[in-house]
N, C-alpha and C. Protein backbone atom coordinates (compact mmCIF):
# COMPACT_ATOMS: atom_id res chain seq x y z
N UNK A 1 0.89 -1.33 0.05
CA UNK A 1 -0.02 0.13 -0.03
C UNK A 1 0.90 1.31 0.01
N UNK A 2 0.68 2.11 -1.09
CA UNK A 2 1.71 3.27 -1.08
C UNK A 2 1.28 4.41 -0.25
N UNK A 3 -0.06 4.46 0.19
CA UNK A 3 -0.43 5.86 1.09
C UNK A 3 -1.26 5.32 2.19
N UNK A 4 -0.64 4.89 3.27
CA UNK A 4 -1.71 4.24 4.29
C UNK A 4 -2.52 5.51 4.94
N UNK A 5 -2.07 6.57 4.97
CA UNK A 5 -2.84 7.77 5.56
C UNK A 5 -4.16 8.02 4.50
N UNK A 6 -4.02 7.57 3.30
CA UNK A 6 -5.15 7.87 2.48
C UNK A 6 -6.16 6.71 2.63
N UNK A 7 -5.71 5.57 3.09
CA UNK A 7 -6.70 4.49 3.28
C UNK A 7 -7.31 4.84 4.64
N UNK A 8 -6.60 5.34 5.77
CA UNK A 8 -7.27 5.68 6.94
C UNK A 8 -8.26 6.79 6.63
N UNK A 9 -7.85 7.78 5.93
CA UNK A 9 -8.79 8.77 5.78
C UNK A 9 -10.05 8.54 4.91
N UNK A 10 -9.94 7.59 4.01
CA UNK A 10 -11.10 7.08 3.18
C UNK A 10 -11.88 6.26 4.06
N UNK A 11 -11.56 5.27 4.99
CA UNK A 11 -12.31 4.53 5.96
C UNK A 11 -12.89 5.49 6.62
N UNK A 12 -12.35 6.31 7.42
CA UNK A 12 -13.06 7.35 8.19
C UNK A 12 -14.11 8.32 7.43
N UNK A 13 -13.69 8.74 6.32
CA UNK A 13 -14.66 9.50 5.62
C UNK A 13 -15.77 8.76 5.06
N UNK A 14 -15.59 7.44 4.86
CA UNK A 14 -16.74 6.71 4.39
C UNK A 14 -17.54 6.48 5.44
N UNK A 15 -17.13 5.98 6.60
CA UNK A 15 -17.99 5.96 7.65
C UNK A 15 -18.86 7.22 8.14
N UNK A 16 -18.15 8.38 7.88
CA UNK A 16 -18.82 9.64 8.25
C UNK A 16 -19.78 9.94 7.10
N UNK A 17 -19.73 9.24 6.08
CA UNK A 17 -20.63 9.50 4.77
C UNK A 17 -20.13 10.76 3.94
N UNK A 18 -18.72 10.94 4.17
CA UNK A 18 -18.13 12.13 3.50
C UNK A 18 -17.20 11.82 2.26
N UNK A 19 -16.99 10.53 2.06
CA UNK A 19 -15.99 10.21 1.12
C UNK A 19 -16.34 9.14 0.25
N UNK A 20 -15.45 8.84 -0.73
CA UNK A 20 -15.47 7.62 -1.74
C UNK A 20 -15.24 6.47 -0.78
N UNK A 21 -15.54 5.26 -1.45
CA UNK A 21 -15.27 3.99 -0.84
C UNK A 21 -13.83 3.62 -0.58
N UNK A 22 -13.35 2.86 0.21
CA UNK A 22 -12.04 2.50 0.63
C UNK A 22 -11.41 2.12 -0.61
N UNK A 23 -11.94 1.42 -1.44
CA UNK A 23 -11.19 0.93 -2.79
C UNK A 23 -10.77 2.15 -3.65
N UNK A 24 -11.44 3.24 -3.54
CA UNK A 24 -11.06 4.34 -4.41
C UNK A 24 -9.87 5.00 -3.84
N UNK A 25 -9.51 4.99 -2.53
CA UNK A 25 -8.26 5.76 -2.00
C UNK A 25 -7.26 4.60 -1.64
N UNK A 26 -7.38 3.13 -1.83
CA UNK A 26 -6.42 2.48 -1.38
C UNK A 26 -5.08 2.55 -2.06
N UNK A 27 -4.93 3.05 -3.46
CA UNK A 27 -3.71 3.12 -4.21
C UNK A 27 -3.17 4.56 -4.02
N UNK A 28 -2.15 4.81 -5.05
CA UNK A 28 -1.78 6.18 -5.15
C UNK A 28 -2.65 7.20 -5.61
N UNK A 29 -2.38 8.45 -5.35
CA UNK A 29 -3.26 9.31 -5.66
C UNK A 29 -3.56 9.44 -7.17
N UNK A 30 -2.46 9.23 -7.91
CA UNK A 30 -2.68 9.20 -9.42
C UNK A 30 -3.46 8.15 -10.05
N UNK A 31 -3.76 7.10 -9.16
CA UNK A 31 -4.50 5.93 -9.68
C UNK A 31 -5.99 6.27 -9.28
N UNK A 32 -6.26 7.13 -8.59
CA UNK A 32 -7.70 7.67 -8.18
C UNK A 32 -8.48 8.10 -9.42
N UNK A 33 -9.71 7.64 -9.48
CA UNK A 33 -10.76 8.17 -10.43
C UNK A 33 -10.62 9.68 -10.16
N UNK A 34 -10.99 10.44 -11.34
CA UNK A 34 -11.13 11.86 -11.25
C UNK A 34 -12.02 12.50 -10.17
N UNK A 35 -13.19 11.83 -9.98
CA UNK A 35 -14.00 12.31 -8.93
C UNK A 35 -13.41 12.17 -7.50
N UNK A 36 -12.62 11.05 -7.29
CA UNK A 36 -11.98 11.16 -5.88
C UNK A 36 -10.86 12.13 -5.82
N UNK A 37 -10.21 12.39 -6.72
CA UNK A 37 -8.87 13.27 -6.59
C UNK A 37 -9.62 14.72 -6.53
N UNK A 38 -10.83 15.13 -7.03
CA UNK A 38 -11.47 16.30 -6.93
C UNK A 38 -11.97 16.57 -5.46
N UNK A 39 -12.23 15.49 -4.76
CA UNK A 39 -12.99 15.79 -3.52
C UNK A 39 -12.21 16.34 -2.36
N UNK A 40 -12.62 16.99 -1.42
CA UNK A 40 -11.86 17.69 -0.53
C UNK A 40 -10.87 17.02 0.36
N UNK A 41 -9.82 17.19 0.67
CA UNK A 41 -8.86 16.39 1.52
C UNK A 41 -8.76 17.08 2.92
N UNK A 42 -8.91 16.30 3.91
CA UNK A 42 -8.78 16.65 5.25
C UNK A 42 -7.29 16.68 5.64
N UNK A 43 -6.77 17.81 6.14
CA UNK A 43 -5.40 17.77 6.42
C UNK A 43 -5.33 17.99 7.93
N UNK A 44 -6.21 18.32 8.56
CA UNK A 44 -6.14 18.57 10.18
C UNK A 44 -7.32 18.57 10.74
N UNK A 45 -7.54 17.86 11.96
CA UNK A 45 -8.79 17.93 12.70
C UNK A 45 -8.24 18.35 14.11
N UNK A 46 -8.90 19.27 14.59
CA UNK A 46 -8.61 19.91 15.80
C UNK A 46 -9.91 19.79 16.85
N UNK A 47 -9.52 19.95 18.04
CA UNK A 47 -10.45 20.03 19.13
C UNK A 47 -11.01 18.53 19.52
N UNK A 48 -12.31 18.47 20.04
CA UNK A 48 -12.59 17.31 20.62
C UNK A 48 -14.31 17.31 20.58
N UNK A 49 -14.92 16.07 20.72
CA UNK A 49 -16.27 16.12 20.63
C UNK A 49 -17.10 16.90 21.60
N UNK A 50 -16.67 17.13 22.82
CA UNK A 50 -17.25 17.78 23.91
C UNK A 50 -17.11 19.33 23.58
N UNK A 51 -16.08 19.71 23.00
CA UNK A 51 -15.95 21.25 22.75
C UNK A 51 -16.17 21.76 21.25
N UNK A 52 -16.12 20.61 20.66
CA UNK A 52 -16.34 20.92 19.15
C UNK A 52 -15.01 20.64 18.29
N UNK A 53 -15.20 20.19 17.16
CA UNK A 53 -14.09 19.73 16.16
C UNK A 53 -13.87 20.88 15.38
N UNK A 54 -12.79 21.16 14.63
CA UNK A 54 -12.46 21.84 13.57
C UNK A 54 -11.89 21.04 12.56
N UNK A 55 -12.29 21.15 11.44
CA UNK A 55 -11.85 20.18 10.29
C UNK A 55 -11.34 21.07 9.15
N UNK A 56 -10.04 20.99 8.73
CA UNK A 56 -9.38 21.72 7.83
C UNK A 56 -9.03 21.15 6.50
N UNK A 57 -9.43 21.63 5.45
CA UNK A 57 -9.15 20.97 4.19
C UNK A 57 -8.03 21.46 3.50
N UNK A 58 -7.52 20.71 2.64
CA UNK A 58 -6.22 21.13 1.76
C UNK A 58 -6.26 22.45 1.05
N UNK A 59 -7.58 22.80 0.70
CA UNK A 59 -7.94 23.89 -0.18
C UNK A 59 -8.08 25.12 0.81
N UNK A 60 -7.96 24.93 2.03
CA UNK A 60 -8.07 26.10 3.06
C UNK A 60 -9.48 26.21 3.56
N UNK A 61 -10.36 25.55 2.96
CA UNK A 61 -11.71 25.65 3.71
C UNK A 61 -11.62 24.84 5.07
N UNK A 62 -12.63 25.23 5.90
CA UNK A 62 -12.75 24.67 7.23
C UNK A 62 -14.23 24.38 7.46
N UNK A 63 -14.56 23.53 8.37
CA UNK A 63 -15.86 23.09 8.80
C UNK A 63 -15.64 22.85 10.36
N UNK A 64 -16.65 23.55 11.18
CA UNK A 64 -16.73 23.47 12.46
C UNK A 64 -18.15 23.04 13.06
N UNK A 65 -18.05 21.63 12.88
CA UNK A 65 -19.48 21.00 13.41
C UNK A 65 -19.90 21.48 14.84
N UNK A 66 -20.99 21.15 15.19
CA UNK A 66 -21.45 21.52 16.62
C UNK A 66 -20.92 20.42 17.40
N UNK A 67 -20.90 20.60 18.95
CA UNK A 67 -20.50 19.74 19.72
C UNK A 67 -21.36 18.56 19.64
N UNK A 68 -20.86 17.50 20.28
CA UNK A 68 -21.80 16.17 20.32
C UNK A 68 -23.01 16.50 21.01
N UNK A 69 -23.06 17.17 22.11
CA UNK A 69 -24.09 17.33 23.03
C UNK A 69 -25.33 18.20 22.11
N UNK A 70 -24.80 19.13 21.34
CA UNK A 70 -25.60 20.06 20.70
C UNK A 70 -26.28 19.13 19.55
N UNK A 71 -25.35 18.25 18.74
CA UNK A 71 -25.89 17.48 17.73
C UNK A 71 -26.98 16.43 18.09
N UNK A 72 -26.55 15.72 19.43
CA UNK A 72 -27.63 14.89 19.88
C UNK A 72 -28.87 15.57 20.34
N UNK A 73 -28.74 16.77 20.78
CA UNK A 73 -29.99 17.49 21.26
C UNK A 73 -30.84 17.74 20.01
N UNK A 74 -30.16 17.97 18.88
CA UNK A 74 -31.01 18.02 17.57
C UNK A 74 -31.91 16.95 17.23
N UNK A 75 -31.31 15.96 17.63
CA UNK A 75 -31.90 14.66 17.28
C UNK A 75 -33.20 14.38 18.05
N UNK A 76 -33.36 15.05 19.17
CA UNK A 76 -34.62 14.84 19.80
C UNK A 76 -35.85 15.57 19.13
N UNK A 77 -35.46 16.35 18.00
CA UNK A 77 -36.57 17.15 17.38
C UNK A 77 -37.32 16.11 16.25
N UNK A 78 -36.70 14.83 16.20
CA UNK A 78 -37.38 13.94 15.18
C UNK A 78 -38.63 13.48 15.88
N UNK A 79 -39.74 13.22 15.12
CA UNK A 79 -41.08 12.85 15.90
C UNK A 79 -40.85 11.41 16.05
N UNK A 80 -40.31 10.63 15.15
CA UNK A 80 -40.47 8.99 15.37
C UNK A 80 -39.20 8.67 16.36
N UNK A 81 -39.56 7.83 17.02
CA UNK A 81 -38.48 7.14 17.97
C UNK A 81 -37.32 6.55 17.30
N UNK A 82 -37.75 5.83 16.10
CA UNK A 82 -36.62 5.26 15.43
C UNK A 82 -35.80 6.11 14.80
N UNK A 83 -36.32 7.35 14.33
CA UNK A 83 -35.49 8.44 13.69
C UNK A 83 -34.54 9.04 14.75
N UNK A 84 -35.15 9.17 16.06
CA UNK A 84 -34.07 9.90 17.00
C UNK A 84 -33.12 8.77 17.38
N UNK A 85 -33.19 7.74 17.40
CA UNK A 85 -32.20 6.49 17.78
C UNK A 85 -31.32 6.50 16.53
N UNK A 86 -31.80 6.55 15.37
CA UNK A 86 -30.95 6.61 14.30
C UNK A 86 -30.14 7.82 14.17
N UNK A 87 -30.61 8.80 14.54
CA UNK A 87 -29.72 10.15 14.61
C UNK A 87 -28.67 10.19 15.69
N UNK A 88 -29.13 9.56 16.88
CA UNK A 88 -28.10 9.68 17.99
C UNK A 88 -26.80 8.57 17.59
N UNK A 89 -27.25 7.57 17.03
CA UNK A 89 -26.28 6.50 16.68
C UNK A 89 -25.36 7.13 15.57
N UNK A 90 -25.89 7.77 14.67
CA UNK A 90 -25.11 8.66 13.69
C UNK A 90 -24.11 9.63 14.19
N UNK A 91 -24.64 10.42 15.26
CA UNK A 91 -23.79 11.61 15.74
C UNK A 91 -22.82 10.73 16.57
N UNK A 92 -23.10 9.68 17.53
CA UNK A 92 -21.88 9.01 18.13
C UNK A 92 -20.81 8.52 17.19
N UNK A 93 -21.22 7.89 16.12
CA UNK A 93 -20.34 7.29 15.27
C UNK A 93 -19.46 8.57 14.37
N UNK A 94 -20.20 9.56 14.14
CA UNK A 94 -19.54 10.62 13.48
C UNK A 94 -18.47 11.16 14.27
N UNK A 95 -18.80 11.39 15.58
CA UNK A 95 -17.72 12.04 16.29
C UNK A 95 -16.68 11.02 16.90
N UNK A 96 -16.99 9.73 17.01
CA UNK A 96 -16.06 8.84 17.26
C UNK A 96 -15.00 8.68 16.07
N UNK A 97 -15.50 8.83 14.95
CA UNK A 97 -14.67 8.62 13.76
C UNK A 97 -13.98 9.99 13.54
N UNK A 98 -14.45 11.10 13.78
CA UNK A 98 -13.52 12.30 13.82
C UNK A 98 -12.44 12.16 14.74
N UNK A 99 -12.70 11.65 15.90
CA UNK A 99 -11.56 11.44 16.86
C UNK A 99 -10.46 10.55 16.34
N UNK A 100 -10.92 9.41 15.78
CA UNK A 100 -10.05 8.48 15.01
C UNK A 100 -9.25 9.09 14.00
N UNK A 101 -9.87 9.78 13.25
CA UNK A 101 -9.16 10.48 12.06
C UNK A 101 -8.00 11.68 12.68
N UNK A 102 -8.45 12.25 13.64
CA UNK A 102 -7.57 13.15 14.22
C UNK A 102 -6.36 12.41 14.86
N UNK A 103 -6.48 11.33 15.52
CA UNK A 103 -5.43 10.47 15.97
C UNK A 103 -4.64 9.94 14.94
N UNK A 104 -5.19 9.47 13.75
CA UNK A 104 -4.47 9.01 12.61
C UNK A 104 -3.65 10.01 11.99
N UNK A 105 -4.22 11.14 11.85
CA UNK A 105 -3.35 12.43 11.15
C UNK A 105 -2.17 12.74 12.14
N UNK A 106 -2.49 12.76 13.37
CA UNK A 106 -1.44 12.92 14.28
C UNK A 106 -0.29 11.94 14.19
N UNK A 107 -0.74 10.63 14.17
CA UNK A 107 0.32 9.44 13.98
C UNK A 107 1.08 9.84 12.66
N UNK A 108 0.35 9.89 11.67
CA UNK A 108 1.10 9.98 10.38
C UNK A 108 2.18 11.01 10.27
N UNK A 109 1.67 12.21 10.95
CA UNK A 109 2.64 13.26 11.02
C UNK A 109 3.70 13.09 11.72
N UNK A 110 3.62 12.28 13.05
CA UNK A 110 4.70 11.89 13.93
C UNK A 110 5.73 11.04 13.23
N UNK A 111 5.26 10.10 12.40
CA UNK A 111 5.97 9.15 11.91
C UNK A 111 6.37 9.38 10.32
N UNK A 112 6.16 10.59 9.82
CA UNK A 112 6.60 10.82 8.72
C UNK A 112 6.02 10.37 7.60
N UNK A 113 4.77 10.03 7.65
CA UNK A 113 3.95 9.28 6.60
C UNK A 113 2.97 10.20 5.90
């Protein structure tokens, strides 16, 4: 595998519903389909779920999602119980995966990958 951080990012982004499938990022960047190359690349994740994450992209854009408690609170606005549960599970998964991506990026930077 030429780019291990690309695979980690692909797995996390796919879990977050933000990226292409793992197979699209398993090889070198030049081997990626044009649509995958054009997608935003996350270069840094700061913060934490309790205080809010900051997501920085290679093109300079940034995203600051609400804290996990704010996001979960919005789930209570769904009328159906199943929709509320599905929303809460999605929020927990999203913030868990953002933390995983943050640790993966730090590991890759520390180990020169």
